[in-house]
Amino acid sequence: MSMTVQLIGSALILLAFVLAQAGRLGTGTWSYLWLNFVGSGLTAGDALHERQWGFLLLEGAWMVVSLLSLVKKARGGGLGRATGGQGR
């Protein structure tokens, strides 16, 4: 089960990254932010369960930044210059 959670979480984060790099998804879009939040949440949860502290720090920070960006976007705040792209 742990390996499946890691793979799904990592795939979501990588999907967001690849789509952003290809210019198909802006880094300030709901889709991008949710893919990062859910993916990092899954991997952080697994890291906590497996007591992988370095991985938890990385993914936990990624999850918190993604969550803060989602909250900021929900409140109508901008996310800087990287808000272009598709996927509102």
Protein backbone atom coordinates (compact mmCIF):
# COMPACT_ATOMS: atom_id res chain seq x y z
CA MET A 1 0.00 0.00 0.00
CA SER A 2 2.78 2.44 0.92
CA MET A 3 4.42 2.12 -2.49
CA THR A 4 1.07 2.76 -4.22
CA VAL A 5 0.48 5.94 -2.20
CA GLN A 6 4.01 7.15 -2.98
CA LEU A 7 3.58 6.47 -6.69
CA ILE A 8 0.19 8.19 -6.93
CA GLY A 9 1.35 11.22 -4.96
CA SER A 10 4.54 11.55 -6.96
CA ALA A 11 2.68 11.10 -10.24
CA LEU A 12 0.30 13.96 -9.36
CA ILE A 13 3.17 16.32 -8.52
CA LEU A 14 5.08 15.34 -11.65
CA LEU A 15 1.98 15.71 -13.83
CA ALA A 16 1.55 19.30 -12.62
CA PHE A 17 5.22 20.02 -13.26
CA VAL A 18 5.30 18.49 -16.74
CA LEU A 19 2.11 20.28 -17.81
CA ALA A 20 3.47 23.59 -16.50
CA GLN A 21 6.78 23.11 -18.29
CA ALA A 22 4.95 22.27 -21.52
CA GLY A 23 2.95 25.47 -21.21
CA ARG A 24 -0.32 23.56 -20.89
CA LEU A 25 -1.03 24.55 -17.28
CA GLY A 26 -0.22 27.79 -15.48
CA THR A 27 1.38 27.52 -12.07
CA GLY A 28 -1.29 29.75 -10.56
CA THR A 29 -4.26 27.71 -11.77
CA TRP A 30 -6.57 25.73 -9.55
CA SER A 31 -5.57 22.50 -11.31
CA TYR A 32 -1.87 23.02 -10.76
CA LEU A 33 -2.29 23.97 -7.11
CA TRP A 34 -4.65 21.08 -6.34
CA LEU A 35 -2.40 18.52 -8.09
CA ASN A 36 0.52 19.71 -5.96
CA PHE A 37 -1.49 19.86 -2.73
CA VAL A 38 -3.02 16.39 -3.09
CA GLY A 39 0.18 14.80 -4.39
CA SER A 40 2.35 16.25 -1.65
CA GLY A 41 -0.30 15.44 0.97
CA LEU A 42 -0.27 11.80 -0.05
CA THR A 43 3.51 11.55 -0.05
CA ALA A 44 3.83 13.51 3.23
CA GLY A 45 1.28 11.25 4.91
CA ASP A 46 3.16 8.20 3.74
CA ALA A 47 6.48 9.68 4.88
CA LEU A 48 5.00 10.31 8.33
CA HIS A 49 3.67 6.76 8.50
CA GLU A 50 7.04 5.34 7.46
CA ARG A 51 8.99 7.78 9.70
CA GLN A 52 11.00 9.14 6.80
CA TRP A 53 11.74 12.53 8.35
CA GLY A 54 13.68 14.14 5.50
CA PHE A 55 11.01 13.18 2.98
CA LEU A 56 8.33 14.41 5.39
CA LEU A 57 10.06 17.78 5.66
CA LEU A 58 10.23 18.14 1.88
CA GLU A 59 6.70 17.01 1.13
CA GLY A 60 5.19 18.67 4.18
CA ALA A 61 6.68 22.01 3.15
CA TRP A 62 5.45 21.46 -0.42
CA MET A 63 1.96 20.72 0.91
CA VAL A 64 1.90 23.81 3.16
CA VAL A 65 3.04 26.11 0.34
CA SER A 66 0.42 24.61 -1.97
CA LEU A 67 -2.28 25.03 0.68
CA LEU A 68 -1.32 28.65 1.32
CA SER A 69 -1.44 29.32 -2.42
CA LEU A 70 -4.90 27.73 -2.65
CA VAL A 71 -6.15 29.87 0.24
CA LYS A 72 -4.66 33.01 -1.29
CA LYS A 73 -6.26 32.23 -4.64
CA ALA A 74 -9.63 31.52 -2.99
CA ARG A 75 -9.48 34.91 -1.31
CA GLY A 76 -8.90 36.56 -4.68
CA GLY A 77 -5.21 37.21 -4.18
CA GLY A 78 -2.79 36.91 -7.05
CA LEU A 79 0.03 34.44 -7.14
CA GLY A 80 2.62 36.61 -8.85
CA ARG A 81 3.59 36.58 -12.50
CA ALA A 82 3.21 32.82 -12.95
CA THR A 83 -0.57 32.82 -13.03
CA GLY A 84 -1.04 32.42 -16.75
CA GLY A 85 -2.12 29.31 -18.58
CA GLN A 86 -5.26 27.27 -18.73
CA GLY A 87 -7.35 25.55 -16.11
CA ARG A 88 -9.45 27.99 -14.13
